[in-house]
Amino acid sequence: MDSRTKRRLAAAELDALARRAVGVGVESATELTDGYANAVWRLRLADGRDAVLKLSPPPDLDQLSYERNLLRMEAAAIGLAAQAGVPVAALLRAGFDDPVLGGDYLLLAALDGVSWNDVKPDGEAGLRRELGRHLARFNTVTGEVFGYPHAGITGRTWRSAFLAMVAALLGDTERYPTPLPLPAAEIMAIAEAAAPVLDEVTTPRLVHFDVWAGNVFLDVSGPPRIQAIIDHERAFWGDPLAEFVTPTIFGELADDDPLLAGYREVTPLELTPAARTRLDLYRAYLYLILLIENGPRQYPPDEYARIRVSATASLTDVLDRLVRAAARPVE
C-alpha cells in the first residue's frame, strides 16, 4: 500500500547505496509494494546476488512514538531469532544514520519462496502448526527490560511498560487527530483498570507482533513449509501471548487453532480467563495502532477504508470486554 512513510530513491541512488553497503552496484531494482510502512526494493546486485533493501522513512517525517528506530529493532530481532532457530532472511548489512541517506537501512538476502498471502497451499493447518512452533522459539529469547528500548518506551514491569506503550500511542493523537470509538482518556482508563492481569508476566520475551500471512514466506517447491518469517520491525519485549493477536486479527484465538497446538509442542501455554483478558489488551493496542498510524502514513482513503472500519468495530468490541473483565471480582 502507498504511504507517506515510503521514501523514493532513483536508480542511481539505489546503486550508490548498494556500493556503500556491500561494495557492488545494482543491475536492476523492483519496488515491492505489499508493505505498509518502509520502502522496500528487490535488487539484483552486480555480483549476481538477489537482495532486499528496506529504507527508514524520510528523516523529516514525524512518526508515531513507538516507531523511532524501527529498523534498529528489526536488525537486533533478526539476529536473536536466527540464534533461537527461527527461519529468517539473512541480514547482509545494517546501516544506521547513513550520511548520504540521512536515515537507516537494512540489506537482506532475498528469499526465493512466496508470501503466504499470495497463495492458498494445501495443508494450511499443518503450516499453521509449524508457525506456532516457530513463534514459540521466537518467544524463548529473553531480554532485560520490557517495551521498546530502541524507542525509549520501557518499564521495569510489564504492566508499567505496556501502559507506557498505550499512553504513548494515544498521546500521538495530539499530533495526529484520529477518530476513535471513545475519547483517548477513556481508553487509557479502561486499559489501566484491566492492567493488573499483566503482573502475571515477569520475564521480558521477544514478541514479533506482526505475524500475518504477508510476513510469512513459504517454500512450495515440495510439500509446503515455512521458509522464513520477515518484517521484525514492530517487535518488542513483553508477553508472548501478544504473539497470537496478529495471526487472528479481527477474530479470536480458538482453542483448536493449529497455531496454538504447534506453540504448545515447544512450551506449555494455558488460556485462563486472565490470559484472555491480556489478549484483549493486546488486541486493543493493535487496533489502536491500525487507526492512529494513518496519521503519519496517509494511506490512500479507498484502500485504507476496510482496515479502518474493521479496526474501529473490533476495538469497540474489545474495549467493551475489557470493561466487563475489570468489573469481575478477583477469584
C-alpha atoms as a PDB file:
ATOM      1  CA  MET A   1       0.000   0.000   0.000  1.00  0.00           C
ATOM      2  CA  ASP A   2       1.238   3.502  -0.774  1.00  0.00           C
ATOM      3  CA  SER A   3       2.223   5.536   2.267  1.00  0.00           C
ATOM      4  CA  ARG A   4       3.844   8.868   3.036  1.00  0.00           C
ATOM      5  CA  THR A   5       6.436   6.973   5.082  1.00  0.00           C
ATOM      6  CA  LYS A   6       7.870   5.335   1.959  1.00  0.00           C
ATOM      7  CA  ARG A   7      10.754   7.363   0.611  1.00  0.00           C
ATOM      8  CA  ARG A   8      11.623   7.294  -3.071  1.00  0.00           C
ATOM      9  CA  LEU A   9      15.123   6.708  -4.444  1.00  0.00           C
ATOM     10  CA  ALA A  10      16.213   6.969  -8.053  1.00  0.00           C
ATOM     11  CA  ALA A  11      18.145   4.153  -9.712  1.00  0.00           C
ATOM     12  CA  ALA A  12      21.438   5.993  -9.259  1.00  0.00           C
ATOM     13  CA  GLU A  13      20.754   6.461  -5.551  1.00  0.00           C
ATOM     14  CA  LEU A  14      19.963   2.764  -5.102  1.00  0.00           C
ATOM     15  CA  ASP A  15      23.180   1.873  -6.916  1.00  0.00           C
ATOM     16  CA  ALA A  16      25.239   4.202  -4.736  1.00  0.00           C
ATOM     17  CA  LEU A  17      23.655   2.860  -1.556  1.00  0.00           C
ATOM     18  CA  ALA A  18      24.408  -0.758  -2.534  1.00  0.00           C
ATOM     19  CA  ARG A  19      28.019   0.178  -3.249  1.00  0.00           C
ATOM     20  CA  ARG A  20      28.341   1.744   0.195  1.00  0.00           C
ATOM     21  CA  ALA A  21      26.701  -1.257   1.821  1.00  0.00           C
ATOM     22  CA  VAL A  22      28.334  -4.257   0.134  1.00  0.00           C
ATOM     23  CA  GLY A  23      30.785  -2.855  -2.399  1.00  0.00           C
ATOM     24  CA  VAL A  24      28.866  -3.720  -5.588  1.00  0.00           C
ATOM     25  CA  GLY A  25      26.314  -1.877  -7.668  1.00  0.00           C
ATOM     26  CA  VAL A  26      22.760  -2.664  -8.731  1.00  0.00           C
ATOM     27  CA  GLU A  27      21.878  -4.254 -12.067  1.00  0.00           C
ATOM     28  CA  SER A  28      18.117  -3.984 -11.633  1.00  0.00           C
ATOM     29  CA  ALA A  29      15.625  -2.908  -8.966  1.00  0.00           C
ATOM     30  CA  THR A  30      11.916  -3.537  -8.420  1.00  0.00           C
ATOM     31  CA  GLU A  31       9.934  -1.837  -5.693  1.00  0.00           C
ATOM     32  CA  LEU A  32       7.888  -4.203  -3.508  1.00  0.00           C
ATOM     33  CA  THR A  33       4.619  -2.536  -2.584  1.00  0.00           C
ATOM     34  CA  ASP A  34       2.884  -5.058  -0.302  1.00  0.00           C
ATOM     35  CA  GLY A  35       4.197  -3.497   2.913  1.00  0.00           C
ATOM     36  CA  TYR A  36       2.589  -0.625   4.802  1.00  0.00           C
ATOM     37  CA  ALA A  37       5.475   1.416   6.229  1.00  0.00           C
ATOM     38  CA  ASN A  38       9.031   1.172   4.914  1.00  0.00           C
ATOM     39  CA  ALA A  39      10.030   1.466   1.285  1.00  0.00           C
ATOM     40  CA  VAL A  40      11.316  -1.916   0.063  1.00  0.00           C
ATOM     41  CA  TRP A  41      13.129  -2.895  -3.137  1.00  0.00           C
ATOM     42  CA  ARG A  42      14.238  -6.221  -4.545  1.00  0.00           C
ATOM     43  CA  LEU A  43      17.675  -5.731  -6.047  1.00  0.00           C
ATOM     44  CA  ARG A  44      19.788  -7.784  -8.429  1.00  0.00           C
ATOM     45  CA  LEU A  45      23.333  -6.943  -7.417  1.00  0.00           C
ATOM     46  CA  ALA A  46      26.182  -6.794  -9.891  1.00  0.00           C
ATOM     47  CA  ASP A  47      27.780  -9.898  -8.345  1.00  0.00           C
ATOM     48  CA  GLY A  48      24.656 -11.955  -9.115  1.00  0.00           C
ATOM     49  CA  ARG A  49      23.108 -11.920  -5.662  1.00  0.00           C
ATOM     50  CA  ASP A  50      19.469 -11.026  -5.108  1.00  0.00           C
ATOM     51  CA  ALA A  51      18.838  -8.802  -2.118  1.00  0.00           C
ATOM     52  CA  VAL A  52      16.052  -6.856  -0.460  1.00  0.00           C
ATOM     53  CA  LEU A  53      16.619  -3.277   0.641  1.00  0.00           C
ATOM     54  CA  LYS A  54      14.489  -1.677   3.375  1.00  0.00           C
ATOM     55  CA  LEU A  55      14.667   2.059   3.993  1.00  0.00           C
ATOM     56  CA  SER A  56      13.556   4.011   7.023  1.00  0.00           C
ATOM     57  CA  PRO A  57      11.019   6.801   6.380  1.00  0.00           C
ATOM     58  CA  PRO A  58      12.201  10.286   5.384  1.00  0.00           C
ATOM     59  CA  PRO A  59      14.093  11.847   8.327  1.00  0.00           C
ATOM     60  CA  ASP A  60      11.831  14.907   8.416  1.00  0.00           C
ATOM     61  CA  LEU A  61       8.648  12.817   8.862  1.00  0.00           C
ATOM     62  CA  ASP A  62       7.242  12.862  12.390  1.00  0.00           C
ATOM     63  CA  GLN A  63       6.388   9.220  13.059  1.00  0.00           C
ATOM     64  CA  LEU A  64       4.494   7.592  15.903  1.00  0.00           C
ATOM     65  CA  SER A  65       6.396   7.435  19.191  1.00  0.00           C
ATOM     66  CA  TYR A  66       6.990   3.674  19.127  1.00  0.00           C
ATOM     67  CA  GLU A  67       8.234   3.840  15.529  1.00  0.00           C
ATOM     68  CA  ARG A  68      11.528   5.516  16.392  1.00  0.00           C
ATOM     69  CA  ASN A  69      14.470   3.402  15.208  1.00  0.00           C
ATOM     70  CA  LEU A  70      12.265   0.584  13.895  1.00  0.00           C
ATOM     71  CA  LEU A  71      14.947  -0.837  11.615  1.00  0.00           C
ATOM     72  CA  ARG A  72      17.391  -0.999  14.513  1.00  0.00           C
ATOM     73  CA  MET A  73      14.928  -3.151  16.414  1.00  0.00           C
ATOM     74  CA  GLU A  74      14.457  -5.299  13.331  1.00  0.00           C
ATOM     75  CA  ALA A  75      18.192  -5.827  12.881  1.00  0.00           C
ATOM     76  CA  ALA A  76      18.522  -6.908  16.512  1.00  0.00           C
ATOM     77  CA  ALA A  77      15.474  -9.184  16.306  1.00  0.00           C
ATOM     78  CA  ILE A  78      16.731 -10.916  13.145  1.00  0.00           C
ATOM     79  CA  GLY A  79      19.962 -11.908  14.843  1.00  0.00           C
ATOM     80  CA  LEU A  80      18.243 -13.088  18.017  1.00  0.00           C
ATOM     81  CA  ALA A  81      15.573 -15.028  16.109  1.00  0.00           C
ATOM     82  CA  ALA A  82      18.181 -16.809  13.992  1.00  0.00           C
ATOM     83  CA  GLN A  83      20.050 -17.864  17.134  1.00  0.00           C
ATOM     84  CA  ALA A  84      16.786 -19.272  18.512  1.00  0.00           C
ATOM     85  CA  GLY A  85      16.282 -21.424  15.415  1.00  0.00           C
ATOM     86  CA  VAL A  86      13.590 -19.310  13.763  1.00  0.00           C
ATOM     87  CA  PRO A  87      13.924 -19.152   9.944  1.00  0.00           C
ATOM     88  CA  VAL A  88      14.660 -15.580   8.841  1.00  0.00           C
ATOM     89  CA  ALA A  89      16.186 -13.830   5.841  1.00  0.00           C
ATOM     90  CA  ALA A  90      19.933 -13.354   6.321  1.00  0.00           C
ATOM     91  CA  LEU A  91      20.970  -9.804   7.161  1.00  0.00           C
ATOM     92  CA  LEU A  92      23.727  -8.714   4.761  1.00  0.00           C
ATOM     93  CA  ARG A  93      24.226  -5.217   6.092  1.00  0.00           C
ATOM     94  CA  ALA A  94      22.595  -2.814   8.524  1.00  0.00           C
ATOM     95  CA  GLY A  95      23.352   0.855   8.030  1.00  0.00           C
ATOM     96  CA  PHE A  96      22.355   3.340  10.716  1.00  0.00           C
ATOM     97  CA  ASP A  97      22.435   7.108  10.239  1.00  0.00           C
ATOM     98  CA  ASP A  98      23.782   6.676   6.728  1.00  0.00           C
ATOM     99  CA  PRO A  99      25.479  10.015   5.926  1.00  0.00           C
ATOM    100  CA  VAL A 100      24.067  10.224   2.403  1.00  0.00           C
ATOM    101  CA  LEU A 101      20.644   8.684   3.024  1.00  0.00           C
ATOM    102  CA  GLY A 102      20.081  10.552   6.255  1.00  0.00           C
ATOM    103  CA  GLY A 103      18.492   7.524   7.903  1.00  0.00           C
ATOM    104  CA  ASP A 104      18.712   3.764   8.407  1.00  0.00           C
ATOM    105  CA  TYR A 105      18.587   0.837   6.003  1.00  0.00           C
ATOM    106  CA  LEU A 106      18.758  -2.954   6.029  1.00  0.00           C
ATOM    107  CA  LEU A 107      20.058  -5.084   3.176  1.00  0.00           C
ATOM    108  CA  LEU A 108      18.787  -8.655   3.405  1.00  0.00           C
ATOM    109  CA  ALA A 109      19.303 -11.777   1.325  1.00  0.00           C
ATOM    110  CA  ALA A 110      16.282 -12.208  -0.955  1.00  0.00           C
ATOM    111  CA  LEU A 111      14.032 -15.203  -0.415  1.00  0.00           C
ATOM    112  CA  ASP A 112      13.060 -17.480  -3.304  1.00  0.00           C
ATOM    113  CA  GLY A 113       9.763 -18.562  -1.723  1.00  0.00           C
ATOM    114  CA  VAL A 114       6.344 -16.971  -1.942  1.00  0.00           C
ATOM    115  CA  SER A 115       4.327 -14.929   0.508  1.00  0.00           C
ATOM    116  CA  TRP A 116       1.636 -16.956   2.260  1.00  0.00           C
ATOM    117  CA  ASN A 117      -0.655 -14.030   1.500  1.00  0.00           C
ATOM    118  CA  ASP A 118      -0.295 -14.703  -2.232  1.00  0.00           C
ATOM    119  CA  VAL A 119      -1.041 -18.440  -2.303  1.00  0.00           C
ATOM    120  CA  LYS A 120      -3.500 -20.932  -0.852  1.00  0.00           C
ATOM    121  CA  PRO A 121      -1.345 -24.037  -0.352  1.00  0.00           C
ATOM    122  CA  ASP A 122      -2.582 -27.464   0.606  1.00  0.00           C
ATOM    123  CA  GLY A 123      -2.145 -28.401   4.235  1.00  0.00           C
ATOM    124  CA  GLU A 124      -2.635 -24.944   5.736  1.00  0.00           C
ATOM    125  CA  ALA A 125      -3.448 -26.451   9.123  1.00  0.00           C
ATOM    126  CA  GLY A 126      -0.024 -28.091   9.151  1.00  0.00           C
ATOM    127  CA  LEU A 127       1.644 -24.831   8.156  1.00  0.00           C
ATOM    128  CA  ARG A 128      -0.203 -23.000  10.899  1.00  0.00           C
ATOM    129  CA  ARG A 129       1.014 -25.604  13.385  1.00  0.00           C
ATOM    130  CA  GLU A 130       4.572 -25.156  12.098  1.00  0.00           C
ATOM    131  CA  LEU A 131       4.192 -21.395  12.502  1.00  0.00           C
ATOM    132  CA  GLY A 132       3.143 -21.908  16.119  1.00  0.00           C
ATOM    133  CA  ARG A 133       6.381 -23.797  16.787  1.00  0.00           C
ATOM    134  CA  HIS A 134       8.460 -21.020  15.224  1.00  0.00           C
ATOM    135  CA  LEU A 135       6.685 -18.341  17.255  1.00  0.00           C
ATOM    136  CA  ALA A 136       7.286 -20.290  20.452  1.00  0.00           C
ATOM    137  CA  ARG A 137      11.007 -20.409  19.633  1.00  0.00           C
ATOM    138  CA  PHE A 138      10.970 -16.683  18.878  1.00  0.00           C
ATOM    139  CA  ASN A 139       9.454 -16.093  22.313  1.00  0.00           C
ATOM    140  CA  THR A 140      12.189 -18.106  24.070  1.00  0.00           C
ATOM    141  CA  VAL A 141      14.507 -15.109  23.605  1.00  0.00           C
ATOM    142  CA  THR A 142      14.599 -13.090  26.828  1.00  0.00           C
ATOM    143  CA  GLY A 143      15.650  -9.510  27.452  1.00  0.00           C
ATOM    144  CA  GLU A 144      16.452  -7.196  30.335  1.00  0.00           C
ATOM    145  CA  VAL A 145      13.699  -4.602  30.012  1.00  0.00           C
ATOM    146  CA  PHE A 146      10.069  -4.526  28.895  1.00  0.00           C
ATOM    147  CA  GLY A 147       8.793  -2.440  25.988  1.00  0.00           C
ATOM    148  CA  TYR A 148      10.566  -0.711  23.102  1.00  0.00           C
ATOM    149  CA  PRO A 149      14.165   0.061  24.181  1.00  0.00           C
ATOM    150  CA  HIS A 150      15.058   1.483  20.750  1.00  0.00           C
ATOM    151  CA  ALA A 151      12.165   3.955  21.031  1.00  0.00           C
ATOM    152  CA  GLY A 152      12.741   4.776  24.689  1.00  0.00           C
ATOM    153  CA  ILE A 153       9.355   3.390  25.797  1.00  0.00           C
ATOM    154  CA  THR A 154      10.149   0.907  28.546  1.00  0.00           C
ATOM    155  CA  GLY A 155       9.225  -0.194  32.044  1.00  0.00           C
ATOM    156  CA  ARG A 156      10.664  -2.242  34.893  1.00  0.00           C
ATOM    157  CA  THR A 157       7.468  -4.321  34.915  1.00  0.00           C
ATOM    158  CA  TRP A 158       5.318  -5.482  32.022  1.00  0.00           C
ATOM    159  CA  ARG A 159       2.342  -3.578  33.419  1.00  0.00           C
ATOM    160  CA  SER A 160       4.246  -0.282  33.534  1.00  0.00           C
ATOM    161  CA  ALA A 161       5.796  -0.839  30.097  1.00  0.00           C
ATOM    162  CA  PHE A 162       2.533  -1.788  28.403  1.00  0.00           C
ATOM    163  CA  LEU A 163       0.667   1.150  29.885  1.00  0.00           C
ATOM    164  CA  ALA A 164       3.508   3.409  28.729  1.00  0.00           C
ATOM    165  CA  MET A 165       3.148   1.922  25.228  1.00  0.00           C
ATOM    166  CA  VAL A 166      -0.595   2.599  25.205  1.00  0.00           C
ATOM    167  CA  ALA A 167      -0.128   6.107  26.631  1.00  0.00           C
ATOM    168  CA  ALA A 168       2.499   6.959  24.001  1.00  0.00           C
ATOM    169  CA  LEU A 169       0.223   5.750  21.220  1.00  0.00           C
ATOM    170  CA  LEU A 170      -2.801   7.660  22.496  1.00  0.00           C
ATOM    171  CA  GLY A 171      -0.548  10.690  23.023  1.00  0.00           C
ATOM    172  CA  ASP A 172       0.298  10.567  19.333  1.00  0.00           C
ATOM    173  CA  THR A 173      -3.302  11.543  18.582  1.00  0.00           C
ATOM    174  CA  GLU A 174      -2.437  15.038  19.804  1.00  0.00           C
ATOM    175  CA  ARG A 175      -0.190  15.380  16.744  1.00  0.00           C
ATOM    176  CA  TYR A 176      -2.339  13.202  14.513  1.00  0.00           C
ATOM    177  CA  PRO A 177      -6.026  13.573  15.487  1.00  0.00           C
ATOM    178  CA  THR A 178      -7.709  10.212  14.930  1.00  0.00           C
ATOM    179  CA  PRO A 179     -11.391   9.225  15.108  1.00  0.00           C
ATOM    180  CA  LEU A 180     -11.612   6.636  17.905  1.00  0.00           C
ATOM    181  CA  PRO A 181     -14.713   4.919  19.355  1.00  0.00           C
ATOM    182  CA  LEU A 182     -14.056   6.581  22.743  1.00  0.00           C
ATOM    183  CA  PRO A 183     -12.014   9.580  23.880  1.00  0.00           C
ATOM    184  CA  ALA A 184      -8.331   8.778  24.418  1.00  0.00           C
ATOM    185  CA  ALA A 185      -8.580   9.391  28.177  1.00  0.00           C
ATOM    186  CA  GLU A 186     -11.409   6.852  28.498  1.00  0.00           C
ATOM    187  CA  ILE A 187      -9.494   4.247  26.509  1.00  0.00           C
ATOM    188  CA  MET A 188      -6.467   4.803  28.757  1.00  0.00           C
ATOM    189  CA  ALA A 189      -8.632   4.392  31.841  1.00  0.00           C
ATOM    190  CA  ILE A 190     -10.038   1.096  30.513  1.00  0.00           C
ATOM    191  CA  ALA A 191      -6.510  -0.206  29.889  1.00  0.00           C
ATOM    192  CA  GLU A 192      -5.407   0.826  33.380  1.00  0.00           C
ATOM    193  CA  ALA A 193      -8.410  -0.840  35.028  1.00  0.00           C
ATOM    194  CA  ALA A 194      -7.723  -4.150  33.250  1.00  0.00           C
ATOM    195  CA  ALA A 195      -3.933  -3.957  33.648  1.00  0.00           C
ATOM    196  CA  PRO A 196      -3.480  -5.933  36.916  1.00  0.00           C
ATOM    197  CA  VAL A 197      -3.592  -9.171  34.883  1.00  0.00           C
ATOM    198  CA  LEU A 198      -0.331  -8.083  33.253  1.00  0.00           C
ATOM    199  CA  ASP A 199       1.509  -8.702  36.516  1.00  0.00           C
ATOM    200  CA  GLU A 200       1.454 -12.406  35.645  1.00  0.00           C
ATOM    201  CA  VAL A 201       4.224 -11.632  33.139  1.00  0.00           C
ATOM    202  CA  THR A 202       7.587 -11.366  34.896  1.00  0.00           C
ATOM    203  CA  THR A 203      10.168 -12.019  32.145  1.00  0.00           C
ATOM    204  CA  PRO A 204      10.626  -9.812  29.057  1.00  0.00           C
ATOM    205  CA  ARG A 205      10.390 -12.033  25.990  1.00  0.00           C
ATOM    206  CA  LEU A 206      10.863 -11.133  22.344  1.00  0.00           C
ATOM    207  CA  VAL A 207       7.498 -10.686  20.602  1.00  0.00           C
ATOM    208  CA  HIS A 208       7.264 -10.217  16.820  1.00  0.00           C
ATOM    209  CA  PHE A 209       3.715  -8.763  16.930  1.00  0.00           C
ATOM    210  CA  ASP A 210       3.288  -8.621  13.155  1.00  0.00           C
ATOM    211  CA  VAL A 211       2.916 -12.226  12.018  1.00  0.00           C
ATOM    212  CA  TRP A 212       0.216 -12.018   9.377  1.00  0.00           C
ATOM    213  CA  ALA A 213       0.251 -14.075   6.174  1.00  0.00           C
ATOM    214  CA  GLY A 214       2.143 -11.397   4.245  1.00  0.00           C
ATOM    215  CA  ASN A 215       5.072 -11.696   6.653  1.00  0.00           C
ATOM    216  CA  VAL A 216       5.440 -15.466   6.290  1.00  0.00           C
ATOM    217  CA  PHE A 217       7.278 -16.855   3.255  1.00  0.00           C
ATOM    218  CA  LEU A 218       6.668 -20.397   2.088  1.00  0.00           C
ATOM    219  CA  ASP A 219       8.787 -22.884   0.198  1.00  0.00           C
ATOM    220  CA  VAL A 220       6.340 -24.579  -2.172  1.00  0.00           C
ATOM    221  CA  SER A 221       8.907 -26.456  -4.276  1.00  0.00           C
ATOM    222  CA  GLY A 222       7.776 -29.631  -2.473  1.00  0.00           C
ATOM    223  CA  PRO A 223       5.360 -30.154   0.392  1.00  0.00           C
ATOM    224  CA  PRO A 224       4.724 -26.571   1.605  1.00  0.00           C
ATOM    225  CA  ARG A 225       6.808 -25.459   4.554  1.00  0.00           C
ATOM    226  CA  ILE A 226       7.708 -22.136   6.116  1.00  0.00           C
ATOM    227  CA  GLN A 227      10.851 -20.664   4.602  1.00  0.00           C
ATOM    228  CA  ALA A 228      11.121 -17.513   6.716  1.00  0.00           C
ATOM    229  CA  ILE A 229       9.311 -15.056   8.936  1.00  0.00           C
ATOM    230  CA  ILE A 230      10.036 -11.473   7.896  1.00  0.00           C
ATOM    231  CA  ASP A 231       9.422  -7.846   8.990  1.00  0.00           C
ATOM    232  CA  HIS A 232      10.509  -7.879  12.630  1.00  0.00           C
ATOM    233  CA  GLU A 233      10.417  -4.089  12.962  1.00  0.00           C
ATOM    234  CA  ARG A 234       7.341  -3.967  15.235  1.00  0.00           C
ATOM    235  CA  ALA A 235       8.930  -6.353  17.754  1.00  0.00           C
ATOM    236  CA  PHE A 236       9.001  -5.520  21.455  1.00  0.00           C
ATOM    237  CA  TRP A 237       9.946  -7.145  24.762  1.00  0.00           C
ATOM    238  CA  GLY A 238       6.872  -8.331  26.599  1.00  0.00           C
ATOM    239  CA  ASP A 239       4.257 -11.056  26.900  1.00  0.00           C
ATOM    240  CA  PRO A 240       4.400 -13.974  24.425  1.00  0.00           C
ATOM    241  CA  LEU A 241       0.589 -14.106  24.445  1.00  0.00           C
ATOM    242  CA  ALA A 242       0.652 -10.953  22.332  1.00  0.00           C
ATOM    243  CA  GLU A 243       2.068 -13.090  19.517  1.00  0.00           C
ATOM    244  CA  PHE A 244      -1.364 -14.584  18.860  1.00  0.00           C
ATOM    245  CA  VAL A 245      -3.060 -11.257  18.118  1.00  0.00           C
ATOM    246  CA  THR A 246      -1.937 -10.576  14.562  1.00  0.00           C
ATOM    247  CA  PRO A 247      -2.379 -14.158  13.236  1.00  0.00           C
ATOM    248  CA  THR A 248      -6.007 -13.946  14.425  1.00  0.00           C
ATOM    249  CA  ILE A 249      -6.571 -10.274  13.606  1.00  0.00           C
ATOM    250  CA  PHE A 250     -10.225  -9.145  13.681  1.00  0.00           C
ATOM    251  CA  GLY A 251     -11.087 -12.542  15.133  1.00  0.00           C
ATOM    252  CA  GLU A 252     -10.463 -14.709  18.173  1.00  0.00           C
ATOM    253  CA  LEU A 253      -7.967 -17.389  19.168  1.00  0.00           C
ATOM    254  CA  ALA A 254      -9.871 -20.691  19.104  1.00  0.00           C
ATOM    255  CA  ASP A 255      -8.868 -23.494  21.453  1.00  0.00           C
ATOM    256  CA  ASP A 256      -8.477 -25.855  18.486  1.00  0.00           C
ATOM    257  CA  ASP A 257      -6.359 -23.465  16.380  1.00  0.00           C
ATOM    258  CA  PRO A 258      -3.369 -25.427  14.981  1.00  0.00           C
ATOM    259  CA  LEU A 259      -1.249 -22.347  15.726  1.00  0.00           C
ATOM    260  CA  LEU A 260      -1.879 -22.911  19.424  1.00  0.00           C
ATOM    261  CA  ALA A 261      -1.211 -26.637  19.152  1.00  0.00           C
ATOM    262  CA  GLY A 262       2.142 -26.015  17.471  1.00  0.00           C
ATOM    263  CA  TYR A 263       3.107 -23.464  20.090  1.00  0.00           C
ATOM    264  CA  ARG A 264       2.348 -25.960  22.848  1.00  0.00           C
ATOM    265  CA  GLU A 265       4.653 -28.508  21.220  1.00  0.00           C
ATOM    266  CA  VAL A 266       7.518 -26.225  22.241  1.00  0.00           C
ATOM    267  CA  THR A 267       6.276 -24.722  25.521  1.00  0.00           C
ATOM    268  CA  PRO A 268       3.183 -25.019  27.745  1.00  0.00           C
ATOM    269  CA  LEU A 269       0.506 -22.351  27.390  1.00  0.00           C
ATOM    270  CA  GLU A 270      -2.794 -22.139  29.253  1.00  0.00           C
ATOM    271  CA  LEU A 271      -5.565 -19.764  28.187  1.00  0.00           C
ATOM    272  CA  THR A 272      -7.005 -18.838  31.562  1.00  0.00           C
ATOM    273  CA  PRO A 273      -9.598 -16.058  31.929  1.00  0.00           C
ATOM    274  CA  ALA A 274      -6.765 -13.717  32.947  1.00  0.00           C
ATOM    275  CA  ALA A 275      -4.804 -14.735  29.858  1.00  0.00           C
ATOM    276  CA  ARG A 276      -7.840 -13.986  27.682  1.00  0.00           C
ATOM    277  CA  THR A 277      -8.002 -10.515  29.237  1.00  0.00           C
ATOM    278  CA  ARG A 278      -4.329  -9.986  28.462  1.00  0.00           C
ATOM    279  CA  LEU A 279      -5.042 -10.990  24.867  1.00  0.00           C
ATOM    280  CA  ASP A 280      -7.829  -8.418  24.706  1.00  0.00           C
ATOM    281  CA  LEU A 281      -5.470  -5.704  25.962  1.00  0.00           C
ATOM    282  CA  TYR A 282      -3.040  -6.568  23.172  1.00  0.00           C
ATOM    283  CA  ARG A 283      -5.839  -6.648  20.607  1.00  0.00           C
ATOM    284  CA  ALA A 284      -6.913  -3.177  21.681  1.00  0.00           C
ATOM    285  CA  TYR A 285      -3.325  -1.995  21.315  1.00  0.00           C
ATOM    286  CA  LEU A 286      -3.029  -3.398  17.788  1.00  0.00           C
ATOM    287  CA  TYR A 287      -6.340  -1.890  16.681  1.00  0.00           C
ATOM    288  CA  LEU A 288      -5.241   1.480  18.052  1.00  0.00           C
ATOM    289  CA  ILE A 289      -2.046   1.202  16.009  1.00  0.00           C
ATOM    290  CA  LEU A 290      -4.026   0.449  12.850  1.00  0.00           C
ATOM    291  CA  LEU A 291      -6.165   3.527  13.390  1.00  0.00           C
ATOM    292  CA  ILE A 292      -3.576   6.031  14.614  1.00  0.00           C
ATOM    293  CA  GLU A 293      -0.784   5.116  12.177  1.00  0.00           C
ATOM    294  CA  ASN A 294      -2.812   6.551   9.314  1.00  0.00           C
ATOM    295  CA  GLY A 295      -1.864   9.983  10.671  1.00  0.00           C
ATOM    296  CA  PRO A 296       1.777   9.968   9.583  1.00  0.00           C
ATOM    297  CA  ARG A 297       1.307   7.455   6.778  1.00  0.00           C
ATOM    298  CA  GLN A 298      -1.714   8.957   4.997  1.00  0.00           C
ATOM    299  CA  TYR A 299      -2.848   5.809   3.234  1.00  0.00           C
ATOM    300  CA  PRO A 300      -4.979   6.098   0.085  1.00  0.00           C
ATOM    301  CA  PRO A 301      -8.500   6.511   1.539  1.00  0.00           C
ATOM    302  CA  ASP A 302     -10.168   3.864  -0.606  1.00  0.00           C
ATOM    303  CA  GLU A 303      -7.519   1.240   0.175  1.00  0.00           C
ATOM    304  CA  TYR A 304      -7.473   2.047   3.881  1.00  0.00           C
ATOM    305  CA  ALA A 305     -11.266   2.134   4.360  1.00  0.00           C
ATOM    306  CA  ARG A 306     -11.661  -1.606   5.008  1.00  0.00           C
ATOM    307  CA  ILE A 307      -8.922  -1.612   7.650  1.00  0.00           C
ATOM    308  CA  ARG A 308     -10.338   1.498   9.342  1.00  0.00           C
ATOM    309  CA  VAL A 309     -13.848   0.052   9.555  1.00  0.00           C
ATOM    310  CA  SER A 310     -12.695  -3.363  10.795  1.00  0.00           C
ATOM    311  CA  ALA A 311     -10.266  -1.892  13.349  1.00  0.00           C
ATOM    312  CA  THR A 312     -12.888   0.508  14.719  1.00  0.00           C
ATOM    313  CA  ALA A 313     -15.525  -2.198  15.122  1.00  0.00           C
ATOM    314  CA  SER A 314     -13.064  -4.665  16.650  1.00  0.00           C
ATOM    315  CA  LEU A 315     -11.654  -2.058  19.032  1.00  0.00           C
ATOM    316  CA  THR A 316     -15.173  -1.212  20.217  1.00  0.00           C
ATOM    317  CA  ASP A 317     -15.911  -4.873  20.961  1.00  0.00           C
ATOM    318  CA  VAL A 318     -12.613  -5.435  22.777  1.00  0.00           C
ATOM    319  CA  LEU A 319     -12.983  -2.307  24.920  1.00  0.00           C
ATOM    320  CA  ASP A 320     -16.447  -3.496  25.977  1.00  0.00           C
ATOM    321  CA  ARG A 321     -14.988  -6.869  27.005  1.00  0.00           C
ATOM    322  CA  LEU A 322     -12.186  -5.185  28.945  1.00  0.00           C
ATOM    323  CA  VAL A 323     -14.685  -3.095  30.866  1.00  0.00           C
ATOM    324  CA  ARG A 324     -16.598  -6.226  31.831  1.00  0.00           C
ATOM    325  CA  ALA A 325     -13.403  -8.077  32.740  1.00  0.00           C
ATOM    326  CA  ALA A 326     -12.229  -5.266  35.026  1.00  0.00           C
ATOM    327  CA  ALA A 327     -15.614  -5.325  36.791  1.00  0.00           C
ATOM    328  CA  ARG A 328     -15.465  -9.056  37.559  1.00  0.00           C
ATOM    329  CA  PRO A 329     -14.459  -9.976  41.115  1.00  0.00           C
ATOM    330  CA  VAL A 330     -10.991 -11.469  41.505  1.00  0.00           C
ATOM    331  CA  GLU A 331     -11.233 -15.230  42.105  1.00  0.00           C
END
